[in-house]
Amino acid sequence: ARKRRCGWFDAVLVRQTIKISGINAIALTKLDVLDELDEIK
């Protein structure tokens, strides 16, 4: 039940984990959380 730290999407990190892991594709979750934002980084 600890509060999670939140931040912008880190494409550098995800690209790295994809290469390390041989990931074929991603399932993108919680897109709706970004609905109210004026700008997304």
PDB file of all heavy atoms in Angstrom:
ATOM      1  N   ALA A   1       0.821  -1.223   0.000  1.00  0.00           N
ATOM      2  CA  ALA A   1       0.000   0.000   0.000  1.00  0.00           C
ATOM      3  C   ALA A   1       0.853   1.271   0.000  1.00  0.00           C
ATOM      4  O   ALA A   1       0.340   2.372   0.215  1.00  0.00           O
ATOM      5  CB  ALA A   1      -0.984   0.022   1.170  1.00  0.00           C
ATOM      6  N   ARG A   2       2.167   1.123  -0.232  1.00  0.00           N
ATOM      7  CA  ARG A   2       3.029   2.292  -0.311  1.00  0.00           C
ATOM      8  C   ARG A   2       2.699   3.125  -1.547  1.00  0.00           C
ATOM      9  O   ARG A   2       2.401   2.587  -2.607  1.00  0.00           O
ATOM     10  CB  ARG A   2       4.501   1.879  -0.351  1.00  0.00           C
ATOM     11  CG  ARG A   2       5.029   1.326   0.955  1.00  0.00           C
ATOM     12  CD  ARG A   2       6.515   1.011   0.856  1.00  0.00           C
ATOM     13  NE  ARG A   2       6.787  -0.043  -0.095  1.00  0.00           N
ATOM     14  CZ  ARG A   2       8.002  -0.501  -0.388  1.00  0.00           C
ATOM     15  NH1 ARG A   2       9.058   0.026   0.210  1.00  0.00           N
ATOM     16  NH2 ARG A   2       8.157  -1.472  -1.268  1.00  0.00           N
ATOM     17  N   LYS A   3       2.791   4.438  -1.388  1.00  0.00           N
ATOM     18  CA  LYS A   3       2.557   5.349  -2.499  1.00  0.00           C
ATOM     19  C   LYS A   3       3.671   5.203  -3.520  1.00  0.00           C
ATOM     20  O   LYS A   3       4.849   5.194  -3.188  1.00  0.00           O
ATOM     21  CB  LYS A   3       2.498   6.788  -1.987  1.00  0.00           C
ATOM     22  CG  LYS A   3       2.121   7.825  -3.029  1.00  0.00           C
ATOM     23  CD  LYS A   3       2.042   9.202  -2.400  1.00  0.00           C
ATOM     24  CE  LYS A   3       1.683  10.258  -3.436  1.00  0.00           C
ATOM     25  NZ  LYS A   3       1.618  11.611  -2.826  1.00  0.00           N
ATOM     26  N   ARG A   4       3.302   5.065  -4.792  1.00  0.00           N
ATOM     27  CA  ARG A   4       4.295   4.943  -5.850  1.00  0.00           C
ATOM     28  C   ARG A   4       4.781   6.310  -6.311  1.00  0.00           C
ATOM     29  O   ARG A   4       4.005   7.256  -6.402  1.00  0.00           O
ATOM     30  CB  ARG A   4       3.711   4.186  -7.048  1.00  0.00           C
ATOM     31  CG  ARG A   4       3.362   2.744  -6.749  1.00  0.00           C
ATOM     32  CD  ARG A   4       2.617   2.084  -7.898  1.00  0.00           C
ATOM     33  NE  ARG A   4       2.164   0.744  -7.535  1.00  0.00           N
ATOM     34  CZ  ARG A   4       1.037   0.197  -7.954  1.00  0.00           C
ATOM     35  NH1 ARG A   4       0.242   0.876  -8.759  1.00  0.00           N
ATOM     36  NH2 ARG A   4       0.699  -1.021  -7.564  1.00  0.00           N
ATOM     37  N   ARG A   5       6.049   6.409  -6.588  1.00  0.00           N
ATOM     38  CA  ARG A   5       6.614   7.603  -7.196  1.00  0.00           C
ATOM     39  C   ARG A   5       6.215   7.626  -8.678  1.00  0.00           C
ATOM     40  O   ARG A   5       6.220   6.587  -9.334  1.00  0.00           O
ATOM     41  CB  ARG A   5       8.139   7.577  -7.050  1.00  0.00           C
ATOM     42  CG  ARG A   5       8.585   7.511  -5.599  1.00  0.00           C
ATOM     43  CD  ARG A   5       9.947   6.856  -5.426  1.00  0.00           C
ATOM     44  NE  ARG A   5      11.012   7.612  -6.079  1.00  0.00           N
ATOM     45  CZ  ARG A   5      12.242   7.135  -6.244  1.00  0.00           C
ATOM     46  NH1 ARG A   5      12.574   5.894  -5.832  1.00  0.00           N
ATOM     47  NH2 ARG A   5      13.170   7.873  -6.825  1.00  0.00           N
ATOM     48  N   CYS A   6       5.881   8.781  -9.212  1.00  0.00           N
ATOM     49  CA  CYS A   6       5.377   8.875 -10.583  1.00  0.00           C
ATOM     50  C   CYS A   6       6.211   9.836 -11.420  1.00  0.00           C
ATOM     51  O   CYS A   6       6.748  10.821 -10.899  1.00  0.00           O
ATOM     52  CB  CYS A   6       3.921   9.352 -10.589  1.00  0.00           C
ATOM     53  SG  CYS A   6       2.757   8.257  -9.742  1.00  0.00           S
ATOM     54  N   GLY A   7       6.311   9.558 -12.714  1.00  0.00           N
ATOM     55  CA  GLY A   7       7.045  10.431 -13.615  1.00  0.00           C
ATOM     56  C   GLY A   7       6.681  10.188 -15.066  1.00  0.00           C
ATOM     57  O   GLY A   7       5.877   9.304 -15.398  1.00  0.00           O
ATOM     58  N   TRP A   8       7.285  10.961 -15.952  1.00  0.00           N
ATOM     59  CA  TRP A   8       7.036  10.820 -17.384  1.00  0.00           C
ATOM     60  C   TRP A   8       7.568   9.488 -17.906  1.00  0.00           C
ATOM     61  O   TRP A   8       8.457   8.874 -17.308  1.00  0.00           O
ATOM     62  CB  TRP A   8       7.691  11.954 -18.154  1.00  0.00           C
ATOM     63  CG  TRP A   8       7.125  13.321 -17.912  1.00  0.00           C
ATOM     64  CD1 TRP A   8       7.797  14.416 -17.435  1.00  0.00           C
ATOM     65  CD2 TRP A   8       5.778  13.762 -18.131  1.00  0.00           C
ATOM     66  NE1 TRP A   8       6.969  15.507 -17.341  1.00  0.00           N
ATOM     67  CE2 TRP A   8       5.704  15.128 -17.765  1.00  0.00           C
ATOM     68  CE3 TRP A   8       4.612  13.135 -18.595  1.00  0.00           C
ATOM     69  CZ2 TRP A   8       4.547  15.880 -17.846  1.00  0.00           C
ATOM     70  CZ3 TRP A   8       3.447  13.883 -18.676  1.00  0.00           C
ATOM     71  CH2 TRP A   8       3.413  15.227 -18.314  1.00  0.00           C
ATOM     72  N   PHE A   9       7.041   9.085 -19.054  1.00  0.00           N
ATOM     73  CA  PHE A   9       7.496   7.850 -19.695  1.00  0.00           C
ATOM     74  C   PHE A   9       8.967   7.978 -20.072  1.00  0.00           C
ATOM     75  O   PHE A   9       9.392   8.939 -20.709  1.00  0.00           O
ATOM     76  CB  PHE A   9       6.654   7.559 -20.940  1.00  0.00           C
ATOM     77  CG  PHE A   9       7.007   6.263 -21.606  1.00  0.00           C
ATOM     78  CD1 PHE A   9       6.495   5.072 -21.135  1.00  0.00           C
ATOM     79  CD2 PHE A   9       7.865   6.226 -22.692  1.00  0.00           C
ATOM     80  CE1 PHE A   9       6.827   3.866 -21.736  1.00  0.00           C
ATOM     81  CE2 PHE A   9       8.197   5.029 -23.306  1.00  0.00           C
ATOM     82  CZ  PHE A   9       7.672   3.847 -22.828  1.00  0.00           C
ATOM     83  N   ASP A  10       9.750   6.970 -19.683  1.00  0.00           N
ATOM     84  CA  ASP A  10      11.183   6.946 -19.968  1.00  0.00           C
ATOM     85  C   ASP A  10      11.441   5.953 -21.095  1.00  0.00           C
ATOM     86  O   ASP A  10      11.564   4.753 -20.869  1.00  0.00           O
ATOM     87  CB  ASP A  10      11.971   6.569 -18.716  1.00  0.00           C
ATOM     88  CG  ASP A  10      13.458   6.851 -18.851  1.00  0.00           C
ATOM     89  OD1 ASP A  10      13.968   6.766 -19.981  1.00  0.00           O
ATOM     90  OD2 ASP A  10      14.108   7.152 -17.829  1.00  0.00           O
ATOM     91  N   ALA A  11      11.519   6.481 -22.331  1.00  0.00           N
ATOM     92  CA  ALA A  11      11.723   5.627 -23.496  1.00  0.00           C
ATOM     93  C   ALA A  11      13.127   5.028 -23.533  1.00  0.00           C
ATOM     94  O   ALA A  11      13.328   3.945 -24.091  1.00  0.00           O
ATOM     95  CB  ALA A  11      11.454   6.422 -24.775  1.00  0.00           C
ATOM     96  N   VAL A  12      14.089   5.709 -22.923  1.00  0.00           N
ATOM     97  CA  VAL A  12      15.465   5.196 -22.887  1.00  0.00           C
ATOM     98  C   VAL A  12      15.515   3.895 -22.090  1.00  0.00           C
ATOM     99  O   VAL A  12      16.093   2.893 -22.525  1.00  0.00           O
ATOM    100  CB  VAL A  12      16.425   6.236 -22.277  1.00  0.00           C
ATOM    101  CG1 VAL A  12      17.850   5.679 -22.247  1.00  0.00           C
ATOM    102  CG2 VAL A  12      16.375   7.538 -23.053  1.00  0.00           C
ATOM    103  N   LEU A  13      14.876   3.907 -20.919  1.00  0.00           N
ATOM    104  CA  LEU A  13      14.880   2.728 -20.066  1.00  0.00           C
ATOM    105  C   LEU A  13      14.132   1.565 -20.709  1.00  0.00           C
ATOM    106  O   LEU A  13      14.610   0.429 -20.696  1.00  0.00           O
ATOM    107  CB  LEU A  13      14.251   3.051 -18.704  1.00  0.00           C
ATOM    108  CG  LEU A  13      15.078   3.870 -17.724  1.00  0.00           C
ATOM    109  CD1 LEU A  13      14.315   4.046 -16.425  1.00  0.00           C
ATOM    110  CD2 LEU A  13      16.410   3.209 -17.461  1.00  0.00           C
ATOM    111  N   VAL A  14      12.958   1.848 -21.253  1.00  0.00           N
ATOM    112  CA  VAL A  14      12.150   0.776 -21.836  1.00  0.00           C
ATOM    113  C   VAL A  14      12.838   0.187 -23.062  1.00  0.00           C
ATOM    114  O   VAL A  14      12.829  -1.029 -23.273  1.00  0.00           O
ATOM    115  CB  VAL A  14      10.729   1.274 -22.168  1.00  0.00           C
ATOM    116  CG1 VAL A  14       9.939   0.194 -22.902  1.00  0.00           C
ATOM    117  CG2 VAL A  14      10.003   1.679 -20.891  1.00  0.00           C
ATOM    118  N   ARG A  15      13.457   1.033 -23.882  1.00  0.00           N
ATOM    119  CA  ARG A  15      14.201   0.517 -25.034  1.00  0.00           C
ATOM    120  C   ARG A  15      15.321  -0.417 -24.569  1.00  0.00           C
ATOM    121  O   ARG A  15      15.575  -1.464 -25.173  1.00  0.00           O
ATOM    122  CB  ARG A  15      14.775   1.674 -25.846  1.00  0.00           C
ATOM    123  CG  ARG A  15      15.562   1.228 -27.092  1.00  0.00           C
ATOM    124  CD  ARG A  15      15.992   2.450 -27.897  1.00  0.00           C
ATOM    125  NE  ARG A  15      16.855   3.315 -27.107  1.00  0.00           N
ATOM    126  CZ  ARG A  15      16.958   4.611 -27.309  1.00  0.00           C
ATOM    127  NH1 ARG A  15      16.269   5.194 -28.270  1.00  0.00           N
ATOM    128  NH2 ARG A  15      17.766   5.348 -26.551  1.00  0.00           N
ATOM    129  N   GLN A  16      15.964  -0.060 -23.467  1.00  0.00           N
ATOM    130  CA  GLN A  16      17.044  -0.887 -22.931  1.00  0.00           C
ATOM    131  C   GLN A  16      16.520  -2.225 -22.422  1.00  0.00           C
ATOM    132  O   GLN A  16      17.117  -3.270 -22.695  1.00  0.00           O
ATOM    133  CB  GLN A  16      17.760  -0.132 -21.804  1.00  0.00           C
ATOM    134  CG  GLN A  16      18.975  -0.866 -21.232  1.00  0.00           C
ATOM    135  CD  GLN A  16      19.868   0.061 -20.434  1.00  0.00           C
ATOM    136  OE1 GLN A  16      20.035   1.226 -20.761  1.00  0.00           O
ATOM    137  NE2 GLN A  16      20.482  -0.456 -19.365  1.00  0.00           N
ATOM    138  N   THR A  17      15.419  -2.218 -21.688  1.00  0.00           N
ATOM    139  CA  THR A  17      14.875  -3.478 -21.174  1.00  0.00           C
ATOM    140  C   THR A  17      14.368  -4.365 -22.305  1.00  0.00           C
ATOM    141  O   THR A  17      14.448  -5.591 -22.221  1.00  0.00           O
ATOM    142  CB  THR A  17      13.750  -3.240 -20.157  1.00  0.00           C
ATOM    143  OG1 THR A  17      12.646  -2.539 -20.774  1.00  0.00           O
ATOM    144  CG2 THR A  17      14.240  -2.425 -18.972  1.00  0.00           C
ATOM    145  N   ILE A  18      13.872  -3.753 -23.362  1.00  0.00           N
ATOM    146  CA  ILE A  18      13.421  -4.516 -24.530  1.00  0.00           C
ATOM    147  C   ILE A  18      14.594  -5.244 -25.178  1.00  0.00           C
ATOM    148  O   ILE A  18      14.498  -6.420 -25.537  1.00  0.00           O
ATOM    149  CB  ILE A  18      12.712  -3.592 -25.538  1.00  0.00           C
ATOM    150  CG1 ILE A  18      11.314  -3.231 -25.013  1.00  0.00           C
ATOM    151  CG2 ILE A  18      12.614  -4.239 -26.921  1.00  0.00           C
ATOM    152  CD1 ILE A  18      10.628  -2.135 -25.791  1.00  0.00           C
ATOM    153  N   LYS A  19      15.721  -4.558 -25.313  1.00  0.00           N
ATOM    154  CA  LYS A  19      16.893  -5.168 -25.932  1.00  0.00           C
ATOM    155  C   LYS A  19      17.480  -6.263 -25.041  1.00  0.00           C
ATOM    156  O   LYS A  19      17.901  -7.314 -25.540  1.00  0.00           O
ATOM    157  CB  LYS A  19      17.937  -4.093 -26.234  1.00  0.00           C
ATOM    158  CG  LYS A  19      17.496  -3.097 -27.309  1.00  0.00           C
ATOM    159  CD  LYS A  19      18.575  -2.072 -27.596  1.00  0.00           C
ATOM    160  CE  LYS A  19      18.105  -1.041 -28.622  1.00  0.00           C
ATOM    161  NZ  LYS A  19      17.800  -1.640 -29.943  1.00  0.00           N
ATOM    162  N   ILE A  20      17.514  -6.023 -23.730  1.00  0.00           N
ATOM    163  CA  ILE A  20      18.038  -7.006 -22.791  1.00  0.00           C
ATOM    164  C   ILE A  20      17.175  -8.266 -22.770  1.00  0.00           C
ATOM    165  O   ILE A  20      17.684  -9.384 -22.663  1.00  0.00           O
ATOM    166  CB  ILE A  20      18.110  -6.404 -21.370  1.00  0.00           C
ATOM    167  CG1 ILE A  20      19.239  -5.379 -21.294  1.00  0.00           C
ATOM    168  CG2 ILE A  20      18.301  -7.493 -20.308  1.00  0.00           C
ATOM    169  CD1 ILE A  20      19.210  -4.552 -20.026  1.00  0.00           C
ATOM    170  N   SER A  21      15.884  -8.094 -22.911  1.00  0.00           N
ATOM    171  CA  SER A  21      14.933  -9.179 -22.685  1.00  0.00           C
ATOM    172  C   SER A  21      14.436  -9.877 -23.938  1.00  0.00           C
ATOM    173  O   SER A  21      13.780 -10.911 -23.854  1.00  0.00           O
ATOM    174  CB  SER A  21      13.721  -8.642 -21.910  1.00  0.00           C
ATOM    175  OG  SER A  21      14.120  -8.055 -20.704  1.00  0.00           O
ATOM    176  N   GLY A  22      14.707  -9.305 -25.110  1.00  0.00           N
ATOM    177  CA  GLY A  22      14.184  -9.908 -26.322  1.00  0.00           C
ATOM    178  C   GLY A  22      12.675  -9.785 -26.448  1.00  0.00           C
ATOM    179  O   GLY A  22      12.014 -10.662 -27.025  1.00  0.00           O
ATOM    180  N   ILE A  23      12.131  -8.702 -25.900  1.00  0.00           N
ATOM    181  CA  ILE A  23      10.687  -8.488 -25.939  1.00  0.00           C
ATOM    182  C   ILE A  23      10.211  -8.326 -27.385  1.00  0.00           C
ATOM    183  O   ILE A  23      10.777  -7.554 -28.158  1.00  0.00           O
ATOM    184  CB  ILE A  23      10.309  -7.252 -25.098  1.00  0.00           C
ATOM    185  CG1 ILE A  23      10.461  -7.578 -23.602  1.00  0.00           C
ATOM    186  CG2 ILE A  23       8.899  -6.766 -25.397  1.00  0.00           C
ATOM    187  CD1 ILE A  23      10.312  -6.389 -22.684  1.00  0.00           C
ATOM    188  N   ASN A  24       9.170  -9.070 -27.759  1.00  0.00           N
ATOM    189  CA  ASN A  24       8.614  -9.001 -29.107  1.00  0.00           C
ATOM    190  C   ASN A  24       7.690  -7.811 -29.307  1.00  0.00           C
ATOM    191  O   ASN A  24       7.646  -7.206 -30.383  1.00  0.00           O
ATOM    192  CB  ASN A  24       7.843 -10.283 -29.429  1.00  0.00           C
ATOM    193  CG  ASN A  24       8.744 -11.502 -29.455  1.00  0.00           C
ATOM    194  OD1 ASN A  24       8.789 -12.281 -28.501  1.00  0.00           O
ATOM    195  ND2 ASN A  24       9.474 -11.700 -30.548  1.00  0.00           N
ATOM    196  N   ALA A  25       6.936  -7.485 -28.275  1.00  0.00           N
ATOM    197  CA  ALA A  25       5.994  -6.366 -28.351  1.00  0.00           C
ATOM    198  C   ALA A  25       5.617  -5.965 -26.927  1.00  0.00           C
ATOM    199  O   ALA A  25       5.856  -6.706 -25.972  1.00  0.00           O
ATOM    200  CB  ALA A  25       4.747  -6.738 -29.150  1.00  0.00           C
ATOM    201  N   ILE A  26       5.015  -4.781 -26.810  1.00  0.00           N
ATOM    202  CA  ILE A  26       4.584  -4.331 -25.483  1.00  0.00           C
ATOM    203  C   ILE A  26       3.065  -4.229 -25.423  1.00  0.00           C
ATOM    204  O   ILE A  26       2.392  -3.999 -26.436  1.00  0.00           O
ATOM    205  CB  ILE A  26       5.207  -2.972 -25.096  1.00  0.00           C
ATOM    206  CG1 ILE A  26       4.686  -1.854 -25.993  1.00  0.00           C
ATOM    207  CG2 ILE A  26       6.720  -3.046 -25.097  1.00  0.00           C
ATOM    208  CD1 ILE A  26       4.939  -0.464 -25.427  1.00  0.00           C
ATOM    209  N   ALA A  27       2.543  -4.424 -24.231  1.00  0.00           N
ATOM    210  CA  ALA A  27       1.151  -4.125 -23.924  1.00  0.00           C
ATOM    211  C   ALA A  27       1.153  -2.812 -23.166  1.00  0.00           C
ATOM    212  O   ALA A  27       1.672  -2.735 -22.048  1.00  0.00           O
ATOM    213  CB  ALA A  27       0.528  -5.238 -23.091  1.00  0.00           C
ATOM    214  N   LEU A  28       0.636  -1.769 -23.753  1.00  0.00           N
ATOM    215  CA  LEU A  28       0.657  -0.435 -23.160  1.00  0.00           C
ATOM    216  C   LEU A  28      -0.542  -0.273 -22.234  1.00  0.00           C
ATOM    217  O   LEU A  28      -1.688  -0.424 -22.654  1.00  0.00           O
ATOM    218  CB  LEU A  28       0.630   0.633 -24.256  1.00  0.00           C
ATOM    219  CG  LEU A  28       0.883   2.077 -23.811  1.00  0.00           C
ATOM    220  CD1 LEU A  28       2.303   2.250 -23.290  1.00  0.00           C
ATOM    221  CD2 LEU A  28       0.620   3.046 -24.966  1.00  0.00           C
ATOM    222  N   THR A  29      -0.296   0.033 -20.967  1.00  0.00           N
ATOM    223  CA  THR A  29      -1.361   0.125 -19.976  1.00  0.00           C
ATOM    224  C   THR A  29      -1.541   1.561 -19.479  1.00  0.00           C
ATOM    225  O   THR A  29      -0.667   2.405 -19.619  1.00  0.00           O
ATOM    226  CB  THR A  29      -1.071  -0.787 -18.767  1.00  0.00           C
ATOM    227  OG1 THR A  29       0.107  -0.328 -18.086  1.00  0.00           O
ATOM    228  CG2 THR A  29      -0.873  -2.229 -19.212  1.00  0.00           C
ATOM    229  N   LYS A  30      -2.702   1.800 -18.912  1.00  0.00           N
ATOM    230  CA  LYS A  30      -3.047   3.058 -18.233  1.00  0.00           C
ATOM    231  C   LYS A  30      -2.926   4.290 -19.129  1.00  0.00           C
ATOM    232  O   LYS A  30      -2.571   5.379 -18.655  1.00  0.00           O
ATOM    233  CB  LYS A  30      -2.209   3.227 -16.964  1.00  0.00           C
ATOM    234  CG  LYS A  30      -2.554   2.209 -15.876  1.00  0.00           C
ATOM    235  CD  LYS A  30      -2.075   2.630 -14.525  1.00  0.00           C
ATOM    236  CE  LYS A  30      -2.597   1.716 -13.420  1.00  0.00           C
ATOM    237  NZ  LYS A  30      -2.232   2.170 -12.055  1.00  0.00           N
ATOM    238  N   LEU A  31      -3.234   4.130 -20.399  1.00  0.00           N
ATOM    239  CA  LEU A  31      -3.248   5.288 -21.291  1.00  0.00           C
ATOM    240  C   LEU A  31      -4.242   6.336 -20.815  1.00  0.00           C
ATOM    241  O   LEU A  31      -3.992   7.545 -20.938  1.00  0.00           O
ATOM    242  CB  LEU A  31      -3.593   4.844 -22.712  1.00  0.00           C
ATOM    243  CG  LEU A  31      -3.574   5.949 -23.778  1.00  0.00           C
ATOM    244  CD1 LEU A  31      -2.147   6.401 -24.054  1.00  0.00           C
ATOM    245  CD2 LEU A  31      -4.262   5.484 -25.067  1.00  0.00           C
ATOM    246  N   ASP A  32      -5.367   5.891 -20.265  1.00  0.00           N
ATOM    247  CA  ASP A  32      -6.428   6.802 -19.842  1.00  0.00           C
ATOM    248  C   ASP A  32      -6.012   7.740 -18.719  1.00  0.00           C
ATOM    249  O   ASP A  32      -6.632   8.797 -18.531  1.00  0.00           O
ATOM    250  CB  ASP A  32      -7.670   6.007 -19.417  1.00  0.00           C
ATOM    251  CG  ASP A  32      -7.366   4.983 -18.337  1.00  0.00           C
ATOM    252  OD1 ASP A  32      -6.555   4.079 -18.600  1.00  0.00           O
ATOM    253  OD2 ASP A  32      -7.938   5.080 -17.225  1.00  0.00           O
ATOM    254  N   VAL A  33      -4.955   7.387 -17.968  1.00  0.00           N
ATOM    255  CA  VAL A  33      -4.484   8.241 -16.877  1.00  0.00           C
ATOM    256  C   VAL A  33      -3.980   9.586 -17.411  1.00  0.00           C
ATOM    257  O   VAL A  33      -4.018  10.602 -16.720  1.00  0.00           O
ATOM    258  CB  VAL A  33      -3.385   7.519 -16.073  1.00  0.00           C
ATOM    259  CG1 VAL A  33      -2.767   8.435 -15.018  1.00  0.00           C
ATOM    260  CG2 VAL A  33      -3.961   6.265 -15.398  1.00  0.00           C
ATOM    261  N   LEU A  34      -3.544   9.604 -18.680  1.00  0.00           N
ATOM    262  CA  LEU A  34      -2.998  10.822 -19.282  1.00  0.00           C
ATOM    263  C   LEU A  34      -4.069  11.728 -19.888  1.00  0.00           C
ATOM    264  O   LEU A  34      -3.742  12.800 -20.424  1.00  0.00           O
ATOM    265  CB  LEU A  34      -1.982  10.449 -20.375  1.00  0.00           C
ATOM    266  CG  LEU A  34      -0.836   9.500 -19.972  1.00  0.00           C
ATOM    267  CD1 LEU A  34       0.040   9.207 -21.181  1.00  0.00           C
ATOM    268  CD2 LEU A  34      -0.026  10.081 -18.838  1.00  0.00           C
ATOM    269  N   ASP A  35      -5.334  11.344 -19.804  1.00  0.00           N
ATOM    270  CA  ASP A  35      -6.412  12.032 -20.530  1.00  0.00           C
ATOM    271  C   ASP A  35      -6.525  13.522 -20.227  1.00  0.00           C
ATOM    272  O   ASP A  35      -6.883  14.308 -21.111  1.00  0.00           O
ATOM    273  CB  ASP A  35      -7.767  11.365 -20.238  1.00  0.00           C
ATOM    274  CG  ASP A  35      -7.936  10.030 -20.951  1.00  0.00           C
ATOM    275  OD1 ASP A  35      -7.072   9.693 -21.776  1.00  0.00           O
ATOM    276  OD2 ASP A  35      -8.931   9.324 -20.668  1.00  0.00           O
ATOM    277  N   GLU A  36      -6.279  13.940 -19.010  1.00  0.00           N
ATOM    278  CA  GLU A  36      -6.542  15.320 -18.601  1.00  0.00           C
ATOM    279  C   GLU A  36      -5.356  16.263 -18.774  1.00  0.00           C
ATOM    280  O   GLU A  36      -5.479  17.466 -18.521  1.00  0.00           O
ATOM    281  CB  GLU A  36      -6.997  15.355 -17.137  1.00  0.00           C
ATOM    282  CG  GLU A  36      -8.327  14.639 -16.882  1.00  0.00           C
ATOM    283  CD  GLU A  36      -8.750  14.707 -15.434  1.00  0.00           C
ATOM    284  OE1 GLU A  36      -7.976  15.264 -14.614  1.00  0.00           O
ATOM    285  OE2 GLU A  36      -9.848  14.208 -15.105  1.00  0.00           O
ATOM    286  N   LEU A  37      -4.224  15.753 -19.215  1.00  0.00           N
ATOM    287  CA  LEU A  37      -3.016  16.563 -19.281  1.00  0.00           C
ATOM    288  C   LEU A  37      -2.960  17.425 -20.538  1.00  0.00           C
ATOM    289  O   LEU A  37      -3.270  16.963 -21.638  1.00  0.00           O
ATOM    290  CB  LEU A  37      -1.774  15.675 -19.222  1.00  0.00           C
ATOM    291  CG  LEU A  37      -1.620  14.813 -17.957  1.00  0.00           C
ATOM    292  CD1 LEU A  37      -0.385  13.935 -18.064  1.00  0.00           C
ATOM    293  CD2 LEU A  37      -1.551  15.688 -16.708  1.00  0.00           C
ATOM    294  N   ASP A  38      -2.541  18.682 -20.381  1.00  0.00           N
ATOM    295  CA  ASP A  38      -2.386  19.591 -21.519  1.00  0.00           C
ATOM    296  C   ASP A  38      -1.176  19.215 -22.370  1.00  0.00           C
ATOM    297  O   ASP A  38      -1.202  19.318 -23.592  1.00  0.00           O
ATOM    298  CB  ASP A  38      -2.220  21.039 -21.034  1.00  0.00           C
ATOM    299  CG  ASP A  38      -3.462  21.565 -20.334  1.00  0.00           C
ATOM    300  OD1 ASP A  38      -4.562  21.385 -20.875  1.00  0.00           O
ATOM    301  OD2 ASP A  38      -3.324  22.133 -19.229  1.00  0.00           O
ATOM    302  N   GLU A  39      -0.130  18.795 -21.694  1.00  0.00           N
ATOM    303  CA  GLU A  39       1.125  18.440 -22.352  1.00  0.00           C
ATOM    304  C   GLU A  39       1.645  17.141 -21.761  1.00  0.00           C
ATOM    305  O   GLU A  39       1.546  16.905 -20.564  1.00  0.00           O
ATOM    306  CB  GLU A  39       2.154  19.557 -22.168  1.00  0.00           C
ATOM    307  CG  GLU A  39       3.492  19.293 -22.831  1.00  0.00           C
ATOM    308  CD  GLU A  39       4.526  20.359 -22.499  1.00  0.00           C
ATOM    309  OE1 GLU A  39       4.552  20.828 -21.333  1.00  0.00           O
ATOM    310  OE2 GLU A  39       5.307  20.723 -23.389  1.00  0.00           O
ATOM    311  N   ILE A  40       2.198  16.292 -22.619  1.00  0.00           N
ATOM    312  CA  ILE A  40       2.750  15.013 -22.185  1.00  0.00           C
ATOM    313  C   ILE A  40       4.190  14.941 -22.662  1.00  0.00           C
ATOM    314  O   ILE A  40       4.498  15.259 -23.814  1.00  0.00           O
ATOM    315  CB  ILE A  40       1.920  13.843 -22.758  1.00  0.00           C
ATOM    316  CG1 ILE A  40       0.482  13.924 -22.231  1.00  0.00           C
ATOM    317  CG2 ILE A  40       2.545  12.505 -22.377  1.00  0.00           C
ATOM    318  CD1 ILE A  40      -0.481  13.029 -22.956  1.00  0.00           C
ATOM    319  N   LYS A  41       5.070  14.507 -21.772  1.00  0.00           N
ATOM    320  CA  LYS A  41       6.485  14.447 -22.118  1.00  0.00           C
ATOM    321  C   LYS A  41       6.987  13.001 -22.113  1.00  0.00           C
ATOM    322  O   LYS A  41       6.467  12.145 -21.408  1.00  0.00           O
ATOM    323  CB  LYS A  41       7.310  15.295 -21.153  1.00  0.00           C
ATOM    324  CG  LYS A  41       7.018  16.788 -21.249  1.00  0.00           C
ATOM    325  CD  LYS A  41       7.900  17.578 -20.302  1.00  0.00           C
ATOM    326  CE  LYS A  41       7.614  19.067 -20.401  1.00  0.00           C
ATOM    327  NZ  LYS A  41       8.507  19.849 -19.495  1.00  0.00           N
TER     328      LYS A  41
END
